[in-house]
Amino acid sequence: ILKVRDCHSNAVWIKAAYGEEIFQQL
């Protein structure tokens, strides 16, 4: 339901795996 930025766990995992730049694109 939520966007990537609005789901805490997804945001944490993506930042850890790929970094801030990829997170911002998603």
PDB file of all heavy atoms in Angstrom:
ATOM      1  N   ILE A   1       0.838  -1.210   0.000  1.00  0.00           N
ATOM      2  CA  ILE A   1       0.000   0.000   0.000  1.00  0.00           C
ATOM      3  C   ILE A   1       0.868   1.253   0.000  1.00  0.00           C
ATOM      4  O   ILE A   1       0.612   2.210  -0.735  1.00  0.00           O
ATOM      5  CB  ILE A   1      -0.939   0.004   1.215  1.00  0.00           C
ATOM      6  CG1 ILE A   1      -1.946  -1.147   1.110  1.00  0.00           C
ATOM      7  CG2 ILE A   1      -1.675   1.335   1.332  1.00  0.00           C
ATOM      8  CD1 ILE A   1      -2.860  -1.277   2.316  1.00  0.00           C
ATOM      9  N   LEU A   2       1.914   1.240   0.814  1.00  0.00           N
ATOM     10  CA  LEU A   2       2.715   2.439   1.023  1.00  0.00           C
ATOM     11  C   LEU A   2       3.806   2.609  -0.024  1.00  0.00           C
ATOM     12  O   LEU A   2       4.264   1.638  -0.639  1.00  0.00           O
ATOM     13  CB  LEU A   2       3.370   2.393   2.408  1.00  0.00           C
ATOM     14  CG  LEU A   2       2.436   2.340   3.611  1.00  0.00           C
ATOM     15  CD1 LEU A   2       3.257   2.260   4.900  1.00  0.00           C
ATOM     16  CD2 LEU A   2       1.502   3.550   3.639  1.00  0.00           C
ATOM     17  N   LYS A   3       4.224   3.850  -0.194  1.00  0.00           N
ATOM     18  CA  LYS A   3       5.401   4.130  -0.999  1.00  0.00           C
ATOM     19  C   LYS A   3       6.647   3.701  -0.224  1.00  0.00           C
ATOM     20  O   LYS A   3       6.624   3.543   0.996  1.00  0.00           O
ATOM     21  CB  LYS A   3       5.485   5.616  -1.334  1.00  0.00           C
ATOM     22  CG  LYS A   3       4.374   6.098  -2.253  1.00  0.00           C
ATOM     23  CD  LYS A   3       4.526   7.586  -2.548  1.00  0.00           C
ATOM     24  CE  LYS A   3       3.437   8.069  -3.504  1.00  0.00           C
ATOM     25  NZ  LYS A   3       3.554   9.508  -3.797  1.00  0.00           N
ATOM     26  N   VAL A   4       7.739   3.531  -0.946  1.00  0.00           N
ATOM     27  CA  VAL A   4       8.982   3.080  -0.328  1.00  0.00           C
ATOM     28  C   VAL A   4       9.384   3.991   0.817  1.00  0.00           C
ATOM     29  O   VAL A   4       9.769   3.523   1.894  1.00  0.00           O
ATOM     30  CB  VAL A   4      10.101   3.011  -1.384  1.00  0.00           C
ATOM     31  CG1 VAL A   4      11.461   2.797  -0.726  1.00  0.00           C
ATOM     32  CG2 VAL A   4       9.819   1.899  -2.395  1.00  0.00           C
ATOM     33  N   ARG A   5       9.282   5.310   0.638  1.00  0.00           N
ATOM     34  CA  ARG A   5       9.730   6.240   1.666  1.00  0.00           C
ATOM     35  C   ARG A   5       8.863   6.171   2.922  1.00  0.00           C
ATOM     36  O   ARG A   5       9.302   6.537   4.012  1.00  0.00           O
ATOM     37  CB  ARG A   5       9.744   7.671   1.139  1.00  0.00           C
ATOM     38  CG  ARG A   5       8.397   8.293   0.891  1.00  0.00           C
ATOM     39  CD  ARG A   5       8.494   9.819   0.742  1.00  0.00           C
ATOM     40  NE  ARG A   5       9.194  10.235  -0.459  1.00  0.00           N
ATOM     41  CZ  ARG A   5      10.411  10.765  -0.459  1.00  0.00           C
ATOM     42  NH1 ARG A   5      11.066  10.919   0.681  1.00  0.00           N
ATOM     43  NH2 ARG A   5      10.964  11.130  -1.605  1.00  0.00           N
ATOM     44  N   ASP A   6       7.631   5.702   2.787  1.00  0.00           N
ATOM     45  CA  ASP A   6       6.701   5.705   3.919  1.00  0.00           C
ATOM     46  C   ASP A   6       6.701   4.399   4.704  1.00  0.00           C
ATOM     47  O   ASP A   6       6.006   4.282   5.714  1.00  0.00           O
ATOM     48  CB  ASP A   6       5.284   5.996   3.423  1.00  0.00           C
ATOM     49  CG  ASP A   6       5.171   7.380   2.802  1.00  0.00           C
ATOM     50  OD1 ASP A   6       5.843   8.291   3.296  1.00  0.00           O
ATOM     51  OD2 ASP A   6       4.431   7.523   1.805  1.00  0.00           O
ATOM     52  N   CYS A   7       7.457   3.427   4.244  1.00  0.00           N
ATOM     53  CA  CYS A   7       7.569   2.158   4.967  1.00  0.00           C
ATOM     54  C   CYS A   7       8.954   2.104   5.601  1.00  0.00           C
ATOM     55  O   CYS A   7       9.967   2.006   4.898  1.00  0.00           O
ATOM     56  CB  CYS A   7       7.361   0.970   4.030  1.00  0.00           C
ATOM     57  SG  CYS A   7       7.548  -0.630   4.856  1.00  0.00           S
ATOM     58  N   HIS A   8       9.013   2.162   6.914  1.00  0.00           N
ATOM     59  CA  HIS A   8      10.298   2.266   7.614  1.00  0.00           C
ATOM     60  C   HIS A   8      11.231   1.109   7.277  1.00  0.00           C
ATOM     61  O   HIS A   8      12.418   1.327   6.975  1.00  0.00           O
ATOM     62  CB  HIS A   8      10.066   2.333   9.125  1.00  0.00           C
ATOM     63  CG  HIS A   8      11.333   2.326   9.927  1.00  0.00           C
ATOM     64  ND1 HIS A   8      12.173   3.424   9.999  1.00  0.00           N
ATOM     65  CD2 HIS A   8      11.927   1.334  10.669  1.00  0.00           C
ATOM     66  CE1 HIS A   8      13.212   3.130  10.761  1.00  0.00           C
ATOM     67  NE2 HIS A   8      13.093   1.870  11.176  1.00  0.00           N
ATOM     68  N   SER A   9      10.716  -0.121   7.334  1.00  0.00           N
ATOM     69  CA  SER A   9      11.587  -1.278   7.108  1.00  0.00           C
ATOM     70  C   SER A   9      12.143  -1.286   5.685  1.00  0.00           C
ATOM     71  O   SER A   9      13.348  -1.525   5.478  1.00  0.00           O
ATOM     72  CB  SER A   9      10.838  -2.579   7.400  1.00  0.00           C
ATOM     73  OG  SER A   9       9.650  -2.661   6.647  1.00  0.00           O
ATOM     74  N   ASN A  10      11.290  -0.997   4.693  1.00  0.00           N
ATOM     75  CA  ASN A  10      11.779  -0.955   3.309  1.00  0.00           C
ATOM     76  C   ASN A  10      12.844   0.120   3.137  1.00  0.00           C
ATOM     77  O   ASN A  10      13.864  -0.092   2.458  1.00  0.00           O
ATOM     78  CB  ASN A  10      10.623  -0.694   2.346  1.00  0.00           C
ATOM     79  CG  ASN A  10       9.757  -1.924   2.124  1.00  0.00           C
ATOM     80  OD1 ASN A  10      10.197  -3.045   2.341  1.00  0.00           O
ATOM     81  ND2 ASN A  10       8.526  -1.709   1.696  1.00  0.00           N
ATOM     82  N   ALA A  11      12.613   1.285   3.731  1.00  0.00           N
ATOM     83  CA  ALA A  11      13.582   2.374   3.622  1.00  0.00           C
ATOM     84  C   ALA A  11      14.923   1.991   4.236  1.00  0.00           C
ATOM     85  O   ALA A  11      15.983   2.228   3.647  1.00  0.00           O
ATOM     86  CB  ALA A  11      13.021   3.627   4.303  1.00  0.00           C
ATOM     87  N   VAL A  12      14.881   1.372   5.405  1.00  0.00           N
ATOM     88  CA  VAL A  12      16.121   0.973   6.081  1.00  0.00           C
ATOM     89  C   VAL A  12      16.880  -0.060   5.255  1.00  0.00           C
ATOM     90  O   VAL A  12      18.100   0.044   5.062  1.00  0.00           O
ATOM     91  CB  VAL A  12      15.800   0.412   7.483  1.00  0.00           C
ATOM     92  CG1 VAL A  12      17.015  -0.287   8.083  1.00  0.00           C
ATOM     93  CG2 VAL A  12      15.332   1.523   8.405  1.00  0.00           C
ATOM     94  N   TRP A  13      16.168  -1.065   4.745  1.00  0.00           N
ATOM     95  CA  TRP A  13      16.833  -2.126   3.986  1.00  0.00           C
ATOM     96  C   TRP A  13      17.439  -1.606   2.697  1.00  0.00           C
ATOM     97  O   TRP A  13      18.554  -1.982   2.323  1.00  0.00           O
ATOM     98  CB  TRP A  13      15.831  -3.247   3.675  1.00  0.00           C
ATOM     99  CG  TRP A  13      15.407  -4.026   4.877  1.00  0.00           C
ATOM    100  CD1 TRP A  13      16.164  -4.313   5.982  1.00  0.00           C
ATOM    101  CD2 TRP A  13      14.119  -4.613   5.110  1.00  0.00           C
ATOM    102  NE1 TRP A  13      15.430  -5.029   6.888  1.00  0.00           N
ATOM    103  CE2 TRP A  13      14.176  -5.244   6.384  1.00  0.00           C
ATOM    104  CE3 TRP A  13      12.928  -4.671   4.379  1.00  0.00           C
ATOM    105  CZ2 TRP A  13      13.084  -5.913   6.922  1.00  0.00           C
ATOM    106  CZ3 TRP A  13      11.845  -5.350   4.914  1.00  0.00           C
ATOM    107  CH2 TRP A  13      11.924  -5.963   6.170  1.00  0.00           C
ATOM    108  N   ILE A  14      16.715  -0.745   1.972  1.00  0.00           N
ATOM    109  CA  ILE A  14      17.225  -0.231   0.699  1.00  0.00           C
ATOM    110  C   ILE A  14      18.432   0.671   0.929  1.00  0.00           C
ATOM    111  O   ILE A  14      19.436   0.589   0.200  1.00  0.00           O
ATOM    112  CB  ILE A  14      16.112   0.516  -0.061  1.00  0.00           C
ATOM    113  CG1 ILE A  14      15.056  -0.491  -0.535  1.00  0.00           C
ATOM    114  CG2 ILE A  14      16.689   1.281  -1.249  1.00  0.00           C
ATOM    115  CD1 ILE A  14      13.807   0.141  -1.092  1.00  0.00           C
ATOM    116  N   LYS A  15      18.380   1.528   1.941  1.00  0.00           N
ATOM    117  CA  LYS A  15      19.528   2.390   2.234  1.00  0.00           C
ATOM    118  C   LYS A  15      20.746   1.560   2.612  1.00  0.00           C
ATOM    119  O   LYS A  15      21.871   1.866   2.196  1.00  0.00           O
ATOM    120  CB  LYS A  15      19.177   3.357   3.361  1.00  0.00           C
ATOM    121  CG  LYS A  15      18.213   4.465   2.956  1.00  0.00           C
ATOM    122  CD  LYS A  15      17.897   5.366   4.143  1.00  0.00           C
ATOM    123  CE  LYS A  15      16.903   6.452   3.769  1.00  0.00           C
ATOM    124  NZ  LYS A  15      16.574   7.328   4.931  1.00  0.00           N
ATOM    125  N   ALA A  16      20.543   0.516   3.395  1.00  0.00           N
ATOM    126  CA  ALA A  16      21.662  -0.327   3.826  1.00  0.00           C
ATOM    127  C   ALA A  16      22.259  -1.095   2.652  1.00  0.00           C
ATOM    128  O   ALA A  16      23.487  -1.228   2.535  1.00  0.00           O
ATOM    129  CB  ALA A  16      21.200  -1.290   4.915  1.00  0.00           C
ATOM    130  N   ALA A  17      21.394  -1.597   1.772  1.00  0.00           N
ATOM    131  CA  ALA A  17      21.873  -2.418   0.664  1.00  0.00           C
ATOM    132  C   ALA A  17      22.466  -1.584  -0.469  1.00  0.00           C
ATOM    133  O   ALA A  17      23.444  -1.999  -1.100  1.00  0.00           O
ATOM    134  CB  ALA A  17      20.732  -3.287   0.126  1.00  0.00           C
ATOM    135  N   TYR A  18      21.865  -0.408  -0.736  1.00  0.00           N
ATOM    136  CA  TYR A  18      22.218   0.332  -1.950  1.00  0.00           C
ATOM    137  C   TYR A  18      22.656   1.774  -1.729  1.00  0.00           C
ATOM    138  O   TYR A  18      23.206   2.384  -2.644  1.00  0.00           O
ATOM    139  CB  TYR A  18      21.022   0.343  -2.907  1.00  0.00           C
ATOM    140  CG  TYR A  18      20.653  -1.023  -3.428  1.00  0.00           C
ATOM    141  CD1 TYR A  18      19.464  -1.633  -3.053  1.00  0.00           C
ATOM    142  CD2 TYR A  18      21.491  -1.705  -4.307  1.00  0.00           C
ATOM    143  CE1 TYR A  18      19.111  -2.892  -3.541  1.00  0.00           C
ATOM    144  CE2 TYR A  18      21.158  -2.960  -4.796  1.00  0.00           C
ATOM    145  CZ  TYR A  18      19.962  -3.549  -4.404  1.00  0.00           C
ATOM    146  OH  TYR A  18      19.622  -4.787  -4.880  1.00  0.00           O
ATOM    147  N   GLY A  19      22.374   2.329  -0.565  1.00  0.00           N
ATOM    148  CA  GLY A  19      22.778   3.704  -0.321  1.00  0.00           C
ATOM    149  C   GLY A  19      21.666   4.712  -0.566  1.00  0.00           C
ATOM    150  O   GLY A  19      20.601   4.398  -1.096  1.00  0.00           O
ATOM    151  N   GLU A  20      21.940   5.947  -0.209  1.00  0.00           N
ATOM    152  CA  GLU A  20      20.939   7.012  -0.242  1.00  0.00           C
ATOM    153  C   GLU A  20      20.488   7.362  -1.658  1.00  0.00           C
ATOM    154  O   GLU A  20      19.310   7.645  -1.896  1.00  0.00           O
ATOM    155  CB  GLU A  20      21.514   8.261   0.437  1.00  0.00           C
ATOM    156  CG  GLU A  20      20.555   9.440   0.537  1.00  0.00           C
ATOM    157  CD  GLU A  20      19.388   9.180   1.470  1.00  0.00           C
ATOM    158  OE1 GLU A  20      19.534   8.372   2.402  1.00  0.00           O
ATOM    159  OE2 GLU A  20      18.312   9.812   1.272  1.00  0.00           O
ATOM    160  N   GLU A  21      21.404   7.342  -2.608  1.00  0.00           N
ATOM    161  CA  GLU A  21      21.051   7.736  -3.973  1.00  0.00           C
ATOM    162  C   GLU A  21      20.006   6.800  -4.579  1.00  0.00           C
ATOM    163  O   GLU A  21      19.013   7.248  -5.166  1.00  0.00           O
ATOM    164  CB  GLU A  21      22.299   7.764  -4.860  1.00  0.00           C
ATOM    165  CG  GLU A  21      22.017   8.237  -6.287  1.00  0.00           C
ATOM    166  CD  GLU A  21      23.268   8.304  -7.137  1.00  0.00           C
ATOM    167  OE1 GLU A  21      24.386   8.175  -6.580  1.00  0.00           O
ATOM    168  OE2 GLU A  21      23.135   8.485  -8.370  1.00  0.00           O
ATOM    169  N   ILE A  22      20.217   5.516  -4.429  1.00  0.00           N
ATOM    170  CA  ILE A  22      19.249   4.543  -4.946  1.00  0.00           C
ATOM    171  C   ILE A  22      17.932   4.668  -4.195  1.00  0.00           C
ATOM    172  O   ILE A  22      16.845   4.585  -4.796  1.00  0.00           O
ATOM    173  CB  ILE A  22      19.805   3.109  -4.829  1.00  0.00           C
ATOM    174  CG1 ILE A  22      21.027   2.937  -5.723  1.00  0.00           C
ATOM    175  CG2 ILE A  22      18.732   2.075  -5.167  1.00  0.00           C
ATOM    176  CD1 ILE A  22      20.750   3.079  -7.196  1.00  0.00           C
ATOM    177  N   PHE A  23      18.017   4.877  -2.884  1.00  0.00           N
ATOM    178  CA  PHE A  23      16.790   5.047  -2.111  1.00  0.00           C
ATOM    179  C   PHE A  23      15.961   6.217  -2.640  1.00  0.00           C
ATOM    180  O   PHE A  23      14.734   6.105  -2.795  1.00  0.00           O
ATOM    181  CB  PHE A  23      17.108   5.267  -0.628  1.00  0.00           C
ATOM    182  CG  PHE A  23      15.927   5.733   0.174  1.00  0.00           C
ATOM    183  CD1 PHE A  23      14.895   4.858   0.483  1.00  0.00           C
ATOM    184  CD2 PHE A  23      15.823   7.061   0.588  1.00  0.00           C
ATOM    185  CE1 PHE A  23      13.780   5.283   1.202  1.00  0.00           C
ATOM    186  CE2 PHE A  23      14.720   7.499   1.305  1.00  0.00           C
ATOM    187  CZ  PHE A  23      13.699   6.604   1.609  1.00  0.00           C
ATOM    188  N   GLN A  24      16.600   7.336  -2.929  1.00  0.00           N
ATOM    189  CA  GLN A  24      15.874   8.505  -3.419  1.00  0.00           C
ATOM    190  C   GLN A  24      15.221   8.227  -4.774  1.00  0.00           C
ATOM    191  O   GLN A  24      14.138   8.746  -5.065  1.00  0.00           O
ATOM    192  CB  GLN A  24      16.805   9.705  -3.508  1.00  0.00           C
ATOM    193  CG  GLN A  24      17.252  10.251  -2.162  1.00  0.00           C
ATOM    194  CD  GLN A  24      16.087  10.716  -1.291  1.00  0.00           C
ATOM    195  OE1 GLN A  24      15.027  11.135  -1.798  1.00  0.00           O
ATOM    196  NE2 GLN A  24      16.259  10.641   0.017  1.00  0.00           N
ATOM    197  N   GLN A  25      15.846   7.421  -5.596  1.00  0.00           N
ATOM    198  CA  GLN A  25      15.248   7.074  -6.881  1.00  0.00           C
ATOM    199  C   GLN A  25      14.009   6.197  -6.726  1.00  0.00           C
ATOM    200  O   GLN A  25      13.131   6.181  -7.589  1.00  0.00           O
ATOM    201  CB  GLN A  25      16.283   6.352  -7.753  1.00  0.00           C
ATOM    202  CG  GLN A  25      17.459   7.226  -8.176  1.00  0.00           C
ATOM    203  CD  GLN A  25      18.457   6.464  -9.021  1.00  0.00           C
ATOM    204  OE1 GLN A  25      18.091   5.810 -10.004  1.00  0.00           O
ATOM    205  NE2 GLN A  25      19.727   6.527  -8.659  1.00  0.00           N
ATOM    206  N   LEU A  26      13.942   5.473  -5.608  1.00  0.00           N
ATOM    207  CA  LEU A  26      12.825   4.565  -5.366  1.00  0.00           C
ATOM    208  C   LEU A  26      11.783   5.135  -4.416  1.00  0.00           C
ATOM    209  O   LEU A  26      10.680   4.585  -4.293  1.00  0.00           O
ATOM    210  CB  LEU A  26      13.349   3.243  -4.778  1.00  0.00           C
ATOM    211  CG  LEU A  26      14.176   2.361  -5.706  1.00  0.00           C
ATOM    212  CD1 LEU A  26      14.917   1.296  -4.906  1.00  0.00           C
ATOM    213  CD2 LEU A  26      13.272   1.705  -6.748  1.00  0.00           C
TER     214      LEU A  26
END
